[in-house]
Amino acid sequence: MSVKIVHLSKNDVALLQSINAMFSEVFDDEASYSANKPSSSYLQTLLGTSSFIALAAVDEDKVVGAIAAYELQKFERQRSEIYIYDLAVVSTHRRMGIATALIQKLKAIGAARGAYVIYVQADKGVEEQPAIELYSKLGTIEDVFHFDIAVEDDSKNV
């Protein structure tokens, strides 16, 4: 096996579409990843921004793992932090160090950009245990709350 880690550029739309399909399969979430696919021009624009980071683990031209992350510029100091939004590896390639290699590549990108931390969220539950074990190996656990705030227009209710 010769998996290579690819940092996507604005010309890697097809590769990002493959990542999206892989996330849909691994997360068993077709509604989020496949039902309303973004256009190629949208993806090219996204890949051209400095705030979006996509890494693919490719084995013989097939995406077998990936990270989608966002760099957040801070206002209180001249630095940034990176949020891992999605990370997955296909079942046939797990326990081979691919997720760790993806995170190591993201750490190198973060260091080059002057980021001070990479953070990720993992839900509690048995199905998330492999992710929790991976992240515990690479970082420290923070005891935080996560809140989802809807963006719908509440002004009519005021």
Protein backbone atom coordinates (compact mmCIF):
# COMPACT_ATOMS: atom_id res chain seq x y z
CA MET A 1 0.00 0.00 0.00
CA SER A 2 1.32 3.41 -0.93
CA VAL A 3 -1.04 6.04 0.44
CA LYS A 4 -0.07 9.61 -0.31
CA ILE A 5 -1.44 12.69 1.42
CA VAL A 6 -2.55 15.41 -1.00
CA HIS A 7 -3.18 19.02 0.00
CA LEU A 8 -5.91 20.11 -2.39
CA SER A 9 -5.59 23.31 -4.43
CA LYS A 10 -8.27 25.22 -6.34
CA ASN A 11 -7.80 22.91 -9.32
CA ASP A 12 -8.66 19.75 -7.36
CA VAL A 13 -12.45 19.97 -7.62
CA ALA A 14 -12.82 16.34 -8.74
CA LEU A 15 -10.74 15.19 -5.78
CA LEU A 16 -12.90 17.24 -3.39
CA GLN A 17 -15.99 15.66 -4.94
CA SER A 18 -14.42 12.24 -4.25
CA ILE A 19 -13.79 13.27 -0.65
CA ASN A 20 -17.43 14.31 -0.33
CA ALA A 21 -18.57 10.92 -1.68
CA MET A 22 -16.23 9.11 0.71
CA PHE A 23 -17.57 11.12 3.70
CA SER A 24 -21.12 10.26 2.61
CA GLU A 25 -20.27 6.57 2.60
CA VAL A 26 -18.18 6.44 5.78
CA PHE A 27 -20.56 8.58 7.83
CA ASP A 28 -23.61 6.86 6.26
CA ASP A 29 -25.07 10.33 5.73
CA GLU A 30 -26.20 10.69 2.15
CA ALA A 31 -28.59 13.51 3.06
CA SER A 32 -25.74 15.78 4.16
CA TYR A 33 -23.04 14.81 1.67
CA SER A 34 -24.77 13.66 -1.50
CA ALA A 35 -28.34 14.97 -1.67
CA ASN A 36 -27.61 18.59 -2.62
CA LYS A 37 -24.11 18.62 -4.09
CA PRO A 38 -22.45 22.00 -4.59
CA SER A 39 -21.48 23.08 -8.10
CA SER A 40 -17.94 22.71 -9.40
CA SER A 41 -17.52 26.50 -9.47
CA TYR A 42 -18.56 26.72 -5.81
CA LEU A 43 -16.04 24.05 -4.86
CA GLN A 44 -13.30 25.72 -6.90
CA THR A 45 -13.96 29.02 -5.11
CA LEU A 46 -13.92 27.25 -1.74
CA LEU A 47 -10.64 25.51 -2.56
CA GLY A 48 -9.19 28.87 -3.61
CA THR A 49 -9.77 30.43 -0.20
CA SER A 50 -7.06 30.33 2.42
CA SER A 51 -9.56 29.53 5.17
CA PHE A 52 -10.52 26.08 3.84
CA ILE A 53 -8.05 23.20 4.04
CA ALA A 54 -8.73 19.85 2.40
CA LEU A 55 -6.38 16.89 2.61
CA ALA A 56 -6.92 13.57 0.87
CA ALA A 57 -5.30 10.24 1.57
CA VAL A 58 -5.08 8.61 -1.86
CA ASP A 59 -4.28 4.96 -2.53
CA GLU A 60 -3.98 4.05 -6.22
CA ASP A 61 -6.10 7.05 -7.30
CA LYS A 62 -8.85 6.26 -4.76
CA VAL A 63 -9.64 8.51 -1.78
CA VAL A 64 -9.33 6.32 1.31
CA GLY A 65 -9.30 9.09 3.91
CA ALA A 66 -9.60 12.84 4.21
CA ILE A 67 -9.74 15.91 6.42
CA ALA A 68 -11.82 19.01 5.81
CA ALA A 69 -10.71 21.85 8.08
CA TYR A 70 -11.14 25.59 8.47
CA GLU A 71 -8.55 28.14 9.53
CA LEU A 72 -10.03 30.82 11.77
CA GLN A 73 -8.18 34.11 11.98
CA LYS A 74 -8.21 35.50 15.53
CA PHE A 75 -8.75 39.13 16.48
CA GLU A 76 -7.18 39.21 19.95
CA ARG A 77 -3.76 38.19 18.64
CA GLN A 78 -2.13 37.86 15.28
CA ARG A 79 -2.60 34.14 14.98
CA SER A 80 -5.13 31.55 13.90
CA GLU A 81 -6.58 28.25 14.97
CA ILE A 82 -7.67 25.35 12.82
CA TYR A 83 -10.91 23.44 13.27
CA ILE A 84 -11.16 19.90 11.92
CA TYR A 85 -14.67 19.79 10.56
CA ASP A 86 -14.60 16.26 9.12
CA LEU A 87 -12.08 13.43 9.28
CA ALA A 88 -12.70 9.92 8.01
CA VAL A 89 -10.92 6.84 6.72
CA VAL A 90 -12.66 4.06 4.78
CA SER A 91 -13.07 0.85 6.78
CA THR A 92 -10.62 -1.16 4.62
CA HIS A 93 -7.81 1.28 5.45
CA ARG A 94 -8.33 1.88 9.16
CA ARG A 95 -5.69 1.16 11.79
CA MET A 96 -2.93 1.88 9.26
CA GLY A 97 -1.94 5.34 10.49
CA ILE A 98 -3.81 7.24 7.79
CA ALA A 99 -5.82 9.46 10.16
CA THR A 100 -2.64 10.23 12.11
CA ALA A 101 -0.78 11.04 8.87
CA LEU A 102 -3.61 13.39 7.82
CA ILE A 103 -3.45 15.19 11.17
CA GLN A 104 0.36 15.38 11.03
CA LYS A 105 0.11 17.02 7.59
CA LEU A 106 -2.51 19.43 8.96
CA LYS A 107 -0.16 20.25 11.86
CA ALA A 108 2.62 21.10 9.39
CA ILE A 109 0.24 23.35 7.43
CA GLY A 110 -0.91 24.98 10.68
CA ALA A 111 2.67 25.59 11.80
CA ALA A 112 3.54 27.16 8.44
CA ARG A 113 0.53 29.46 8.76
CA GLY A 114 1.27 30.47 12.34
CA ALA A 115 -1.71 28.66 13.88
CA TYR A 116 -1.46 28.04 17.59
CA VAL A 117 -3.84 25.10 17.91
CA ILE A 118 -5.87 22.57 15.98
CA TYR A 119 -9.13 21.54 17.57
CA VAL A 120 -11.78 18.96 16.85
CA GLN A 121 -15.07 17.84 18.33
CA ALA A 122 -15.99 14.20 19.00
CA ASP A 123 -19.40 13.23 20.24
CA LYS A 124 -19.80 11.00 23.28
CA GLY A 125 -20.89 7.48 22.51
CA VAL A 126 -19.63 4.05 21.62
CA GLU A 127 -19.59 4.74 17.87
CA GLU A 128 -17.21 7.66 18.43
CA GLN A 129 -14.75 5.72 20.61
CA PRO A 130 -12.16 5.17 17.83
CA ALA A 131 -12.13 8.93 17.11
CA ILE A 132 -11.82 9.74 20.81
CA GLU A 133 -8.89 7.32 21.13
CA LEU A 134 -7.16 8.87 18.10
CA TYR A 135 -7.60 12.44 19.33
CA SER A 136 -6.55 11.50 22.88
CA LYS A 137 -3.31 10.10 21.46
CA LEU A 138 -2.59 13.38 19.66
CA GLY A 139 -3.98 16.03 22.00
CA THR A 140 -5.67 16.84 25.27
CA ILE A 141 -9.34 16.51 26.13
CA GLU A 142 -11.20 19.70 27.01
CA ASP A 143 -14.43 19.52 28.99
CA VAL A 144 -16.71 21.85 27.04
CA PHE A 145 -20.30 22.24 25.98
CA HIS A 146 -21.31 22.42 22.34
CA PHE A 147 -24.32 24.52 21.34
CA ASP A 148 -26.04 24.72 17.96
CA ILE A 149 -27.67 28.08 17.37
CA ALA A 150 -30.11 28.20 14.48
CA VAL A 151 -29.61 30.97 11.94
CA GLU A 152 -33.28 31.31 11.08
CA ASP A 153 -34.88 34.71 11.28
CA ASP A 154 -36.25 35.19 14.80
CA SER A 155 -37.03 38.90 14.29
CA LYS A 156 -40.66 38.05 13.52
CA ASN A 157 -41.00 36.54 16.97
CA VAL A 158 -39.77 39.64 18.80
